[in-house]
């Protein structure tokens, strides 16, 4: 089950740029944190190869994608601890423009690759 929240500049943390968009998707399922991080890295690399974008950076429990096309979208996959070694994947796309459709399209494409 996938849950999505599109927050069109709704000040998730009192954000100053009201024209920017966020798309937050709970990818559900439970993976090991290591598997989650590896899968997220693979997804972002596949997206960049197909659609274009900047850097992909890996942390211990989050994978970051910068300047994804179209529209300079910044992305983070969070592999949040659930219980034991299990993690829950959450995708956050931050729109770099005032075009919420570009933000949504980027999220949809990333989820499509995640689900392959």
PDB file of N, CA and C in Angstrom:
ATOM      1  N   UNK A   1       0.841  -1.163   0.000  1.00  0.00           N
ATOM      2  CA  UNK A   1       0.000   0.000   0.000  1.00  0.00           C
ATOM      3  C   UNK A   1       0.890   1.232   0.000  1.00  0.00           C
ATOM      4  N   UNK A   2       0.547   2.204  -0.834  1.00  0.00           N
ATOM      5  CA  UNK A   2       1.313   3.430  -0.951  1.00  0.00           C
ATOM      6  C   UNK A   2       0.432   4.594  -0.522  1.00  0.00           C
ATOM      7  N   UNK A   3       0.947   5.410   0.378  1.00  0.00           N
ATOM      8  CA  UNK A   3       0.220   6.588   0.819  1.00  0.00           C
ATOM      9  C   UNK A   3       0.984   7.811   0.343  1.00  0.00           C
ATOM     10  N   UNK A   4       0.275   8.804  -0.153  1.00  0.00           N
ATOM     11  CA  UNK A   4       0.923  10.001  -0.672  1.00  0.00           C
ATOM     12  C   UNK A   4       0.309  11.238  -0.055  1.00  0.00           C
ATOM     13  N   UNK A   5       1.163  12.200   0.235  1.00  0.00           N
ATOM     14  CA  UNK A   5       0.727  13.509   0.710  1.00  0.00           C
ATOM     15  C   UNK A   5       1.400  14.546  -0.148  1.00  0.00           C
ATOM     16  N   UNK A   6       0.623  15.357  -0.828  1.00  0.00           N
ATOM     17  CA  UNK A   6       1.180  16.453  -1.607  1.00  0.00           C
ATOM     18  C   UNK A   6       0.955  17.718  -0.814  1.00  0.00           C
ATOM     19  N   UNK A   7       2.040  18.321  -0.393  1.00  0.00           N
ATOM     20  CA  UNK A   7       1.958  19.524   0.424  1.00  0.00           C
ATOM     21  C   UNK A   7       2.434  20.703  -0.399  1.00  0.00           C
ATOM     22  N   UNK A   8       1.532  21.386  -1.016  1.00  0.00           N
ATOM     23  CA  UNK A   8       1.879  22.512  -1.880  1.00  0.00           C
ATOM     24  C   UNK A   8       2.188  23.735  -1.025  1.00  0.00           C
ATOM     25  N   UNK A   9       3.435  23.816  -0.623  1.00  0.00           N
ATOM     26  CA  UNK A   9       3.877  24.960   0.153  1.00  0.00           C
ATOM     27  C   UNK A   9       3.132  25.123   1.465  1.00  0.00           C
ATOM     28  N   UNK A  10       2.749  24.036   2.124  1.00  0.00           N
ATOM     29  CA  UNK A  10       1.939  24.152   3.329  1.00  0.00           C
ATOM     30  C   UNK A  10       2.769  24.291   4.590  1.00  0.00           C
ATOM     31  N   UNK A  11       3.978  24.743   4.461  1.00  0.00           N
ATOM     32  CA  UNK A  11       4.787  25.058   5.633  1.00  0.00           C
ATOM     33  C   UNK A  11       5.003  23.873   6.550  1.00  0.00           C
ATOM     34  N   UNK A  12       5.562  22.788   6.017  1.00  0.00           N
ATOM     35  CA  UNK A  12       5.826  21.615   6.852  1.00  0.00           C
ATOM     36  C   UNK A  12       6.670  21.978   8.061  1.00  0.00           C
ATOM     37  N   UNK A  13       7.594  22.894   7.883  1.00  0.00           N
ATOM     38  CA  UNK A  13       8.416  23.379   8.984  1.00  0.00           C
ATOM     39  C   UNK A  13       8.555  24.891   8.858  1.00  0.00           C
ATOM     40  N   UNK A  14       7.440  25.555   8.622  1.00  0.00           N
ATOM     41  CA  UNK A  14       7.421  27.005   8.440  1.00  0.00           C
ATOM     42  C   UNK A  14       8.392  27.424   7.344  1.00  0.00           C
ATOM     43  N   UNK A  15       8.237  26.809   6.184  1.00  0.00           N
ATOM     44  CA  UNK A  15       9.127  27.046   5.064  1.00  0.00           C
ATOM     45  C   UNK A  15       8.866  28.418   4.453  1.00  0.00           C
ATOM     46  N   UNK A  16       9.909  29.163   4.124  1.00  0.00           N
ATOM     47  CA  UNK A  16       9.727  30.509   3.611  1.00  0.00           C
ATOM     48  C   UNK A  16       9.248  30.572   2.166  1.00  0.00           C
ATOM     49  N   UNK A  17       9.544  29.584   1.338  1.00  0.00           N
ATOM     50  CA  UNK A  17       9.207  29.633  -0.076  1.00  0.00           C
ATOM     51  C   UNK A  17       7.893  28.911  -0.322  1.00  0.00           C
ATOM     52  N   UNK A  18       6.807  29.625  -0.279  1.00  0.00           N
ATOM     53  CA  UNK A  18       5.480  29.034  -0.397  1.00  0.00           C
ATOM     54  C   UNK A  18       5.198  28.483  -1.787  1.00  0.00           C
ATOM     55  N   UNK A  19       5.971  28.854  -2.804  1.00  0.00           N
ATOM     56  CA  UNK A  19       5.728  28.378  -4.151  1.00  0.00           C
ATOM     57  C   UNK A  19       6.306  26.988  -4.382  1.00  0.00           C
ATOM     58  N   UNK A  20       7.117  26.511  -3.497  1.00  0.00           N
ATOM     59  CA  UNK A  20       7.728  25.203  -3.683  1.00  0.00           C
ATOM     60  C   UNK A  20       6.783  24.118  -3.204  1.00  0.00           C
ATOM     61  N   UNK A  21       6.949  22.920  -3.781  1.00  0.00           N
ATOM     62  CA  UNK A  21       6.075  21.805  -3.474  1.00  0.00           C
ATOM     63  C   UNK A  21       6.858  20.656  -2.863  1.00  0.00           C
ATOM     64  N   UNK A  22       6.142  19.872  -2.070  1.00  0.00           N
ATOM     65  CA  UNK A  22       6.679  18.646  -1.516  1.00  0.00           C
ATOM     66  C   UNK A  22       5.733  17.519  -1.861  1.00  0.00           C
ATOM     67  N   UNK A  23       6.292  16.358  -2.121  1.00  0.00           N
ATOM     68  CA  UNK A  23       5.502  15.152  -2.284  1.00  0.00           C
ATOM     69  C   UNK A  23       6.124  14.114  -1.372  1.00  0.00           C
ATOM     70  N   UNK A  24       5.343  13.576  -0.463  1.00  0.00           N
ATOM     71  CA  UNK A  24       5.837  12.593   0.503  1.00  0.00           C
ATOM     72  C   UNK A  24       5.083  11.292   0.269  1.00  0.00           C
ATOM     73  N   UNK A  25       5.830  10.216   0.020  1.00  0.00           N
ATOM     74  CA  UNK A  25       5.224   8.923  -0.279  1.00  0.00           C
ATOM     75  C   UNK A  25       5.761   7.864   0.670  1.00  0.00           C
ATOM     76  N   UNK A  26       4.854   7.214   1.379  1.00  0.00           N
ATOM     77  CA  UNK A  26       5.205   6.070   2.212  1.00  0.00           C
ATOM     78  C   UNK A  26       5.232   4.856   1.295  1.00  0.00           C
ATOM     79  N   UNK A  27       6.399   4.295   1.082  1.00  0.00           N
ATOM     80  CA  UNK A  27       6.542   3.178   0.154  1.00  0.00           C
ATOM     81  C   UNK A  27       6.147   1.845   0.782  1.00  0.00           C
ATOM     82  N   UNK A  28       5.827   1.880   2.069  1.00  0.00           N
ATOM     83  CA  UNK A  28       5.345   0.712   2.807  1.00  0.00           C
ATOM     84  C   UNK A  28       6.328  -0.452   2.697  1.00  0.00           C
ATOM     85  N   UNK A  29       5.901  -1.585   3.157  1.00  0.00           N
ATOM     86  CA  UNK A  29       6.775  -2.739   3.148  1.00  0.00           C
ATOM     87  C   UNK A  29       7.865  -2.611   4.188  1.00  0.00           C
ATOM     88  N   UNK A  30       8.459  -3.700   4.516  1.00  0.00           N
ATOM     89  CA  UNK A  30       9.513  -3.705   5.514  1.00  0.00           C
ATOM     90  C   UNK A  30      10.726  -4.428   4.944  1.00  0.00           C
ATOM     91  N   UNK A  31      11.850  -3.732   4.936  1.00  0.00           N
ATOM     92  CA  UNK A  31      13.112  -4.270   4.429  1.00  0.00           C
ATOM     93  C   UNK A  31      14.162  -4.125   5.506  1.00  0.00           C
ATOM     94  N   UNK A  32      15.264  -4.808   5.341  1.00  0.00           N
ATOM     95  CA  UNK A  32      16.391  -4.499   6.206  1.00  0.00           C
ATOM     96  C   UNK A  32      16.875  -3.108   5.817  1.00  0.00           C
ATOM     97  N   UNK A  33      17.472  -2.409   6.741  1.00  0.00           N
ATOM     98  CA  UNK A  33      17.953  -1.059   6.433  1.00  0.00           C
ATOM     99  C   UNK A  33      18.965  -1.109   5.289  1.00  0.00           C
ATOM    100  N   UNK A  34      19.837  -2.100   5.315  1.00  0.00           N
ATOM    101  CA  UNK A  34      20.841  -2.250   4.259  1.00  0.00           C
ATOM    102  C   UNK A  34      20.167  -2.446   2.896  1.00  0.00           C
ATOM    103  N   UNK A  35      19.139  -3.283   2.833  1.00  0.00           N
ATOM    104  CA  UNK A  35      18.414  -3.517   1.578  1.00  0.00           C
ATOM    105  C   UNK A  35      17.684  -2.262   1.115  1.00  0.00           C
ATOM    106  N   UNK A  36      17.100  -1.544   2.041  1.00  0.00           N
ATOM    107  CA  UNK A  36      16.387  -0.308   1.729  1.00  0.00           C
ATOM    108  C   UNK A  36      17.335   0.717   1.119  1.00  0.00           C
ATOM    109  N   UNK A  37      18.478   0.929   1.749  1.00  0.00           N
ATOM    110  CA  UNK A  37      19.451   1.903   1.258  1.00  0.00           C
ATOM    111  C   UNK A  37      19.968   1.488  -0.119  1.00  0.00           C
ATOM    112  N   UNK A  38      20.264   0.213  -0.302  1.00  0.00           N
ATOM    113  CA  UNK A  38      20.763  -0.274  -1.592  1.00  0.00           C
ATOM    114  C   UNK A  38      19.706  -0.100  -2.682  1.00  0.00           C
ATOM    115  N   UNK A  39      18.461  -0.404  -2.360  1.00  0.00           N
ATOM    116  CA  UNK A  39      17.375  -0.269  -3.338  1.00  0.00           C
ATOM    117  C   UNK A  39      17.166   1.206  -3.695  1.00  0.00           C
ATOM    118  N   UNK A  40      17.167   2.079  -2.712  1.00  0.00           N
ATOM    119  CA  UNK A  40      16.984   3.508  -2.959  1.00  0.00           C
ATOM    120  C   UNK A  40      18.104   4.048  -3.843  1.00  0.00           C
ATOM    121  N   UNK A  41      19.336   3.644  -3.583  1.00  0.00           N
ATOM    122  CA  UNK A  41      20.469   4.082  -4.404  1.00  0.00           C
ATOM    123  C   UNK A  41      20.288   3.615  -5.846  1.00  0.00           C
ATOM    124  N   UNK A  42      19.866   2.372  -6.010  1.00  0.00           N
ATOM    125  CA  UNK A  42      19.641   1.815  -7.339  1.00  0.00           C
ATOM    126  C   UNK A  42      18.530   2.592  -8.067  1.00  0.00           C
ATOM    127  N   UNK A  43      17.465   2.919  -7.352  1.00  0.00           N
ATOM    128  CA  UNK A  43      16.352   3.666  -7.937  1.00  0.00           C
ATOM    129  C   UNK A  43      16.806   5.045  -8.397  1.00  0.00           C
ATOM    130  N   UNK A  44      17.513   5.765  -7.537  1.00  0.00           N
ATOM    131  CA  UNK A  44      17.970   7.110  -7.903  1.00  0.00           C
ATOM    132  C   UNK A  44      18.958   7.078  -9.066  1.00  0.00           C
ATOM    133  N   UNK A  45      19.861   6.126  -9.059  1.00  0.00           N
ATOM    134  CA  UNK A  45      20.811   6.014 -10.170  1.00  0.00           C
ATOM    135  C   UNK A  45      20.088   5.710 -11.481  1.00  0.00           C
ATOM    136  N   UNK A  46      19.065   4.852 -11.436  1.00  0.00           N
ATOM    137  CA  UNK A  46      18.286   4.535 -12.635  1.00  0.00           C
ATOM    138  C   UNK A  46      17.524   5.768 -13.123  1.00  0.00           C
ATOM    139  N   UNK A  47      16.964   6.530 -12.193  1.00  0.00           N
ATOM    140  CA  UNK A  47      16.243   7.750 -12.559  1.00  0.00           C
ATOM    141  C   UNK A  47      17.176   8.745 -13.240  1.00  0.00           C
ATOM    142  N   UNK A  48      18.324   8.981 -12.639  1.00  0.00           N
ATOM    143  CA  UNK A  48      19.287   9.936 -13.194  1.00  0.00           C
ATOM    144  C   UNK A  48      19.746   9.490 -14.575  1.00  0.00           C
ATOM    145  N   UNK A  49      19.967   8.191 -14.753  1.00  0.00           N
ATOM    146  CA  UNK A  49      20.394   7.674 -16.052  1.00  0.00           C
ATOM    147  C   UNK A  49      19.328   7.895 -17.122  1.00  0.00           C
ATOM    148  N   UNK A  50      18.064   7.787 -16.733  1.00  0.00           N
ATOM    149  CA  UNK A  50      16.973   7.919 -17.705  1.00  0.00           C
ATOM    150  C   UNK A  50      16.513   9.362 -17.904  1.00  0.00           C
ATOM    151  N   UNK A  51      16.370  10.124 -16.831  1.00  0.00           N
ATOM    152  CA  UNK A  51      15.752  11.444 -16.899  1.00  0.00           C
ATOM    153  C   UNK A  51      16.741  12.595 -16.692  1.00  0.00           C
ATOM    154  N   UNK A  52      17.874  12.309 -16.100  1.00  0.00           N
ATOM    155  CA  UNK A  52      18.860  13.347 -15.846  1.00  0.00           C
ATOM    156  C   UNK A  52      18.786  13.867 -14.430  1.00  0.00           C
ATOM    157  N   UNK A  53      19.874  14.417 -14.000  1.00  0.00           N
ATOM    158  CA  UNK A  53      19.933  14.966 -12.654  1.00  0.00           C
ATOM    159  C   UNK A  53      21.366  15.144 -12.211  1.00  0.00           C
ATOM    160  N   UNK A  54      21.497  15.627 -11.008  1.00  0.00           N
ATOM    161  CA  UNK A  54      22.809  15.899 -10.445  1.00  0.00           C
ATOM    162  C   UNK A  54      23.345  14.727  -9.665  1.00  0.00           C
ATOM    163  N   UNK A  55      23.786  14.997  -8.478  1.00  0.00           N
ATOM    164  CA  UNK A  55      24.465  14.008  -7.645  1.00  0.00           C
ATOM    165  C   UNK A  55      23.495  13.099  -6.898  1.00  0.00           C
ATOM    166  N   UNK A  56      23.994  11.898  -6.595  1.00  0.00           N
ATOM    167  CA  UNK A  56      23.317  10.962  -5.691  1.00  0.00           C
ATOM    168  C   UNK A  56      24.289  10.708  -4.552  1.00  0.00           C
ATOM    169  N   UNK A  57      23.843  10.967  -3.326  1.00  0.00           N
ATOM    170  CA  UNK A  57      24.687  10.771  -2.149  1.00  0.00           C
ATOM    171  C   UNK A  57      24.047   9.759  -1.215  1.00  0.00           C
ATOM    172  N   UNK A  58      24.883   8.949  -0.585  1.00  0.00           N
ATOM    173  CA  UNK A  58      24.406   7.901   0.299  1.00  0.00           C
ATOM    174  C   UNK A  58      24.808   8.184   1.739  1.00  0.00           C
ATOM    175  N   UNK A  59      23.831   8.061   2.635  1.00  0.00           N
ATOM    176  CA  UNK A  59      24.094   8.139   4.061  1.00  0.00           C
ATOM    177  C   UNK A  59      23.844   6.774   4.681  1.00  0.00           C
ATOM    178  N   UNK A  60      23.865   6.698   5.983  1.00  0.00           N
ATOM    179  CA  UNK A  60      23.630   5.430   6.662  1.00  0.00           C
ATOM    180  C   UNK A  60      22.190   4.955   6.528  1.00  0.00           C
ATOM    181  N   UNK A  61      21.254   5.886   6.501  1.00  0.00           N
ATOM    182  CA  UNK A  61      19.841   5.515   6.433  1.00  0.00           C
ATOM    183  C   UNK A  61      19.030   6.391   5.488  1.00  0.00           C
ATOM    184  N   UNK A  62      19.721   7.190   4.678  1.00  0.00           N
ATOM    185  CA  UNK A  62      19.047   8.043   3.704  1.00  0.00           C
ATOM    186  C   UNK A  62      19.886   8.155   2.438  1.00  0.00           C
ATOM    187  N   UNK A  63      19.191   8.260   1.294  1.00  0.00           N
ATOM    188  CA  UNK A  63      19.841   8.448  -0.001  1.00  0.00           C
ATOM    189  C   UNK A  63      19.293   9.744  -0.581  1.00  0.00           C
ATOM    190  N   UNK A  64      20.182  10.607  -1.029  1.00  0.00           N
ATOM    191  CA  UNK A  64      19.802  11.923  -1.520  1.00  0.00           C
ATOM    192  C   UNK A  64      20.060  12.023  -3.017  1.00  0.00           C
ATOM    193  N   UNK A  65      19.126  12.634  -3.731  1.00  0.00           N
ATOM    194  CA  UNK A  65      19.303  12.946  -5.147  1.00  0.00           C
ATOM    195  C   UNK A  65      19.092  14.429  -5.336  1.00  0.00           C
ATOM    196  N   UNK A  66      20.021  15.075  -6.017  1.00  0.00           N
ATOM    197  CA  UNK A  66      19.982  16.527  -6.167  1.00  0.00           C
ATOM    198  C   UNK A  66      19.752  16.925  -7.617  1.00  0.00           C
ATOM    199  N   UNK A  67      18.919  17.933  -7.807  1.00  0.00           N
ATOM    200  CA  UNK A  67      18.699  18.555  -9.125  1.00  0.00           C
ATOM    201  C   UNK A  67      18.173  17.572 -10.168  1.00  0.00           C
ATOM    202  N   UNK A  68      17.252  16.701  -9.760  1.00  0.00           N
ATOM    203  CA  UNK A  68      16.657  15.765 -10.705  1.00  0.00           C
ATOM    204  C   UNK A  68      15.789  16.527 -11.694  1.00  0.00           C
ATOM    205  N   UNK A  69      15.803  16.057 -12.916  1.00  0.00           N
ATOM    206  CA  UNK A  69      15.019  16.661 -13.991  1.00  0.00           C
ATOM    207  C   UNK A  69      13.684  15.941 -14.112  1.00  0.00           C
ATOM    208  N   UNK A  70      12.689  16.600 -14.573  1.00  0.00           N
ATOM    209  CA  UNK A  70      12.631  18.012 -14.909  1.00  0.00           C
ATOM    210  C   UNK A  70      12.425  18.865 -13.660  1.00  0.00           C
ATOM    211  N   UNK A  71      12.853  20.089 -13.720  1.00  0.00           N
ATOM    212  CA  UNK A  71      12.504  21.068 -12.710  1.00  0.00           C
ATOM    213  C   UNK A  71      13.358  21.143 -11.470  1.00  0.00           C
ATOM    214  N   UNK A  72      14.560  20.621 -11.476  1.00  0.00           N
ATOM    215  CA  UNK A  72      15.440  20.731 -10.309  1.00  0.00           C
ATOM    216  C   UNK A  72      14.827  20.181  -9.033  1.00  0.00           C
ATOM    217  N   UNK A  73      14.338  18.967  -9.068  1.00  0.00           N
ATOM    218  CA  UNK A  73      13.738  18.329  -7.898  1.00  0.00           C
ATOM    219  C   UNK A  73      14.846  17.756  -7.011  1.00  0.00           C
ATOM    220  N   UNK A  74      14.734  17.969  -5.725  1.00  0.00           N
ATOM    221  CA  UNK A  74      15.628  17.322  -4.758  1.00  0.00           C
ATOM    222  C   UNK A  74      14.842  16.212  -4.078  1.00  0.00           C
ATOM    223  N   UNK A  75      15.511  15.087  -3.857  1.00  0.00           N
ATOM    224  CA  UNK A  75      14.838  13.873  -3.405  1.00  0.00           C
ATOM    225  C   UNK A  75      15.601  13.259  -2.250  1.00  0.00           C
ATOM    226  N   UNK A  76      14.861  12.686  -1.311  1.00  0.00           N
ATOM    227  CA  UNK A  76      15.484  11.871  -0.279  1.00  0.00           C
ATOM    228  C   UNK A  76      14.624  10.628  -0.054  1.00  0.00           C
ATOM    229  N   UNK A  77      15.280   9.480  -0.058  1.00  0.00           N
ATOM    230  CA  UNK A  77      14.667   8.230   0.388  1.00  0.00           C
ATOM    231  C   UNK A  77      15.124   8.034   1.824  1.00  0.00           C
ATOM    232  N   UNK A  78      14.183   7.928   2.740  1.00  0.00           N
ATOM    233  CA  UNK A  78      14.497   7.674   4.148  1.00  0.00           C
ATOM    234  C   UNK A  78      14.210   6.215   4.454  1.00  0.00           C
ATOM    235  N   UNK A  79      15.142   5.540   5.065  1.00  0.00           N
ATOM    236  CA  UNK A  79      14.960   4.158   5.504  1.00  0.00           C
ATOM    237  C   UNK A  79      14.833   4.204   7.024  1.00  0.00           C
ATOM    238  N   UNK A  80      13.613   4.401   7.468  1.00  0.00           N
ATOM    239  CA  UNK A  80      13.327   4.648   8.880  1.00  0.00           C
ATOM    240  C   UNK A  80      13.234   3.351   9.667  1.00  0.00           C
ATOM    241  N   UNK A  81      13.884   3.311  10.823  1.00  0.00           N
ATOM    242  CA  UNK A  81      13.880   2.119  11.669  1.00  0.00           C
ATOM    243  C   UNK A  81      12.467   1.821  12.144  1.00  0.00           C
ATOM    244  N   UNK A  82      12.062   0.556  12.030  1.00  0.00           N
ATOM    245  CA  UNK A  82      10.774   0.121  12.558  1.00  0.00           C
ATOM    246  C   UNK A  82      11.028  -0.710  13.813  1.00  0.00           C
ATOM    247  N   UNK A  83      11.440  -1.945  13.620  1.00  0.00           N
ATOM    248  CA  UNK A  83      11.777  -2.790  14.755  1.00  0.00           C
ATOM    249  C   UNK A  83      12.943  -3.695  14.366  1.00  0.00           C
ATOM    250  N   UNK A  84      13.822  -3.889  15.274  1.00  0.00           N
ATOM    251  CA  UNK A  84      14.998  -4.712  14.985  1.00  0.00           C
ATOM    252  C   UNK A  84      15.789  -4.126  13.835  1.00  0.00           C
ATOM    253  N   UNK A  85      16.081  -4.971  12.849  1.00  0.00           N
ATOM    254  CA  UNK A  85      16.841  -4.531  11.680  1.00  0.00           C
ATOM    255  C   UNK A  85      15.948  -4.068  10.540  1.00  0.00           C
ATOM    256  N   UNK A  86      14.648  -4.004  10.754  1.00  0.00           N
ATOM    257  CA  UNK A  86      13.725  -3.621   9.694  1.00  0.00           C
ATOM    258  C   UNK A  86      13.619  -2.115   9.545  1.00  0.00           C
ATOM    259  N   UNK A  87      13.388  -1.694   8.303  1.00  0.00           N
ATOM    260  CA  UNK A  87      13.241  -0.273   8.001  1.00  0.00           C
ATOM    261  C   UNK A  87      12.038  -0.081   7.090  1.00  0.00           C
ATOM    262  N   UNK A  88      11.433   1.070   7.203  1.00  0.00           N
ATOM    263  CA  UNK A  88      10.308   1.456   6.361  1.00  0.00           C
ATOM    264  C   UNK A  88      10.791   2.569   5.442  1.00  0.00           C
ATOM    265  N   UNK A  89      10.528   2.425   4.141  1.00  0.00           N
ATOM    266  CA  UNK A  89      10.998   3.399   3.156  1.00  0.00           C
ATOM    267  C   UNK A  89       9.971   4.514   2.954  1.00  0.00           C
ATOM    268  N   UNK A  90      10.472   5.735   2.983  1.00  0.00           N
ATOM    269  CA  UNK A  90       9.663   6.921   2.719  1.00  0.00           C
ATOM    270  C   UNK A  90      10.416   7.764   1.689  1.00  0.00           C
ATOM    271  N   UNK A  91       9.684   8.262   0.702  1.00  0.00           N
ATOM    272  CA  UNK A  91      10.247   9.092  -0.348  1.00  0.00           C
ATOM    273  C   UNK A  91       9.736  10.521  -0.178  1.00  0.00           C
ATOM    274  N   UNK A  92      10.659  11.482  -0.189  1.00  0.00           N
ATOM    275  CA  UNK A  92      10.297  12.897  -0.132  1.00  0.00           C
ATOM    276  C   UNK A  92      10.892  13.578  -1.366  1.00  0.00           C
ATOM    277  N   UNK A  93      10.028  14.237  -2.144  1.00  0.00           N
ATOM    278  CA  UNK A  93      10.473  15.004  -3.306  1.00  0.00           C
ATOM    279  C   UNK A  93      10.176  16.465  -3.019  1.00  0.00           C
ATOM    280  N   UNK A  94      11.202  17.293  -3.141  1.00  0.00           N
ATOM    281  CA  UNK A  94      11.060  18.735  -2.945  1.00  0.00           C
ATOM    282  C   UNK A  94      11.169  19.410  -4.298  1.00  0.00           C
ATOM    283  N   UNK A  95      10.096  20.063  -4.713  1.00  0.00           N
ATOM    284  CA  UNK A  95      10.069  20.725  -6.014  1.00  0.00           C
ATOM    285  C   UNK A  95      10.906  21.973  -6.037  1.00  0.00           C
ATOM    286  N   UNK A  96      11.735  22.095  -7.041  1.00  0.00           N
ATOM    287  CA  UNK A  96      12.590  23.260  -7.175  1.00  0.00           C
ATOM    288  C   UNK A  96      11.932  24.391  -7.950  1.00  0.00           C
ATOM    289  N   UNK A  97      10.693  24.185  -8.374  1.00  0.00           N
ATOM    290  CA  UNK A  97       9.968  25.210  -9.114  1.00  0.00           C
ATOM    291  C   UNK A  97       8.585  25.370  -8.501  1.00  0.00           C
ATOM    292  N   UNK A  98       7.789  26.231  -9.089  1.00  0.00           N
ATOM    293  CA  UNK A  98       6.421  26.395  -8.609  1.00  0.00           C
ATOM    294  C   UNK A  98       5.457  25.516  -9.404  1.00  0.00           C
ATOM    295  N   UNK A  99       5.970  24.436  -9.979  1.00  0.00           N
ATOM    296  CA  UNK A  99       5.154  23.520 -10.779  1.00  0.00           C
ATOM    297  C   UNK A  99       4.909  22.225 -10.006  1.00  0.00           C
ATOM    298  N   UNK A 100       3.760  22.124  -9.306  1.00  0.00           N
ATOM    299  CA  UNK A 100       3.497  20.917  -8.527  1.00  0.00           C
ATOM    300  C   UNK A 100       3.392  19.665  -9.393  1.00  0.00           C
ATOM    301  N   UNK A 101       3.053  19.822 -10.664  1.00  0.00           N
ATOM    302  CA  UNK A 101       2.971  18.662 -11.544  1.00  0.00           C
ATOM    303  C   UNK A 101       4.347  18.045 -11.780  1.00  0.00           C
ATOM    304  N   UNK A 102       5.374  18.874 -11.901  1.00  0.00           N
ATOM    305  CA  UNK A 102       6.738  18.359 -12.068  1.00  0.00           C
ATOM    306  C   UNK A 102       7.146  17.566 -10.828  1.00  0.00           C
ATOM    307  N   UNK A 103       6.804  18.078  -9.661  1.00  0.00           N
ATOM    308  CA  UNK A 103       7.110  17.378  -8.410  1.00  0.00           C
ATOM    309  C   UNK A 103       6.406  16.033  -8.371  1.00  0.00           C
ATOM    310  N   UNK A 104       5.120  16.013  -8.686  1.00  0.00           N
ATOM    311  CA  UNK A 104       4.330  14.778  -8.681  1.00  0.00           C
ATOM    312  C   UNK A 104       4.855  13.786  -9.712  1.00  0.00           C
ATOM    313  N   UNK A 105       5.209  14.278 -10.907  1.00  0.00           N
ATOM    314  CA  UNK A 105       5.722  13.383 -11.949  1.00  0.00           C
ATOM    315  C   UNK A 105       7.031  12.732 -11.524  1.00  0.00           C
ATOM    316  N   UNK A 106       7.904  13.513 -10.902  1.00  0.00           N
ATOM    317  CA  UNK A 106       9.164  12.953 -10.410  1.00  0.00           C
ATOM    318  C   UNK A 106       8.888  11.868  -9.375  1.00  0.00           C
ATOM    319  N   UNK A 107       7.998  12.145  -8.442  1.00  0.00           N
ATOM    320  CA  UNK A 107       7.647  11.142  -7.429  1.00  0.00           C
ATOM    321  C   UNK A 107       7.066   9.892  -8.075  1.00  0.00           C
ATOM    322  N   UNK A 108       6.157  10.067  -9.027  1.00  0.00           N
ATOM    323  CA  UNK A 108       5.542   8.913  -9.702  1.00  0.00           C
ATOM    324  C   UNK A 108       6.583   8.067 -10.420  1.00  0.00           C
ATOM    325  N   UNK A 109       7.519   8.718 -11.093  1.00  0.00           N
ATOM    326  CA  UNK A 109       8.563   7.978 -11.813  1.00  0.00           C
ATOM    327  C   UNK A 109       9.465   7.207 -10.848  1.00  0.00           C
ATOM    328  N   UNK A 110       9.808   7.836  -9.727  1.00  0.00           N
ATOM    329  CA  UNK A 110      10.646   7.157  -8.739  1.00  0.00           C
ATOM    330  C   UNK A 110       9.918   5.968  -8.122  1.00  0.00           C
ATOM    331  N   UNK A 111       8.632   6.128  -7.830  1.00  0.00           N
ATOM    332  CA  UNK A 111       7.851   5.014  -7.273  1.00  0.00           C
ATOM    333  C   UNK A 111       7.739   3.886  -8.290  1.00  0.00           C
ATOM    334  N   UNK A 112       7.556   4.234  -9.551  1.00  0.00           N
ATOM    335  CA  UNK A 112       7.491   3.219 -10.600  1.00  0.00           C
ATOM    336  C   UNK A 112       8.784   2.399 -10.651  1.00  0.00           C
ATOM    337  N   UNK A 113       9.922   3.077 -10.587  1.00  0.00           N
ATOM    338  CA  UNK A 113      11.205   2.366 -10.587  1.00  0.00           C
ATOM    339  C   UNK A 113      11.341   1.539  -9.303  1.00  0.00           C
ATOM    340  N   UNK A 114      10.946   2.082  -8.168  1.00  0.00           N
ATOM    341  CA  UNK A 114      11.000   1.358  -6.886  1.00  0.00           C
ATOM    342  C   UNK A 114      10.211   0.056  -6.962  1.00  0.00           C
ATOM    343  N   UNK A 115       9.052   0.101  -7.643  1.00  0.00           N
ATOM    344  CA  UNK A 115       8.155  -1.058  -7.704  1.00  0.00           C
ATOM    345  C   UNK A 115       8.573  -2.115  -8.715  1.00  0.00           C
ATOM    346  N   UNK A 116       9.583  -1.848  -9.533  1.00  0.00           N
ATOM    347  CA  UNK A 116      10.005  -2.832 -10.549  1.00  0.00           C
ATOM    348  C   UNK A 116      10.578  -4.050  -9.916  1.00  0.00           C
TER     349      UNK A 116
END
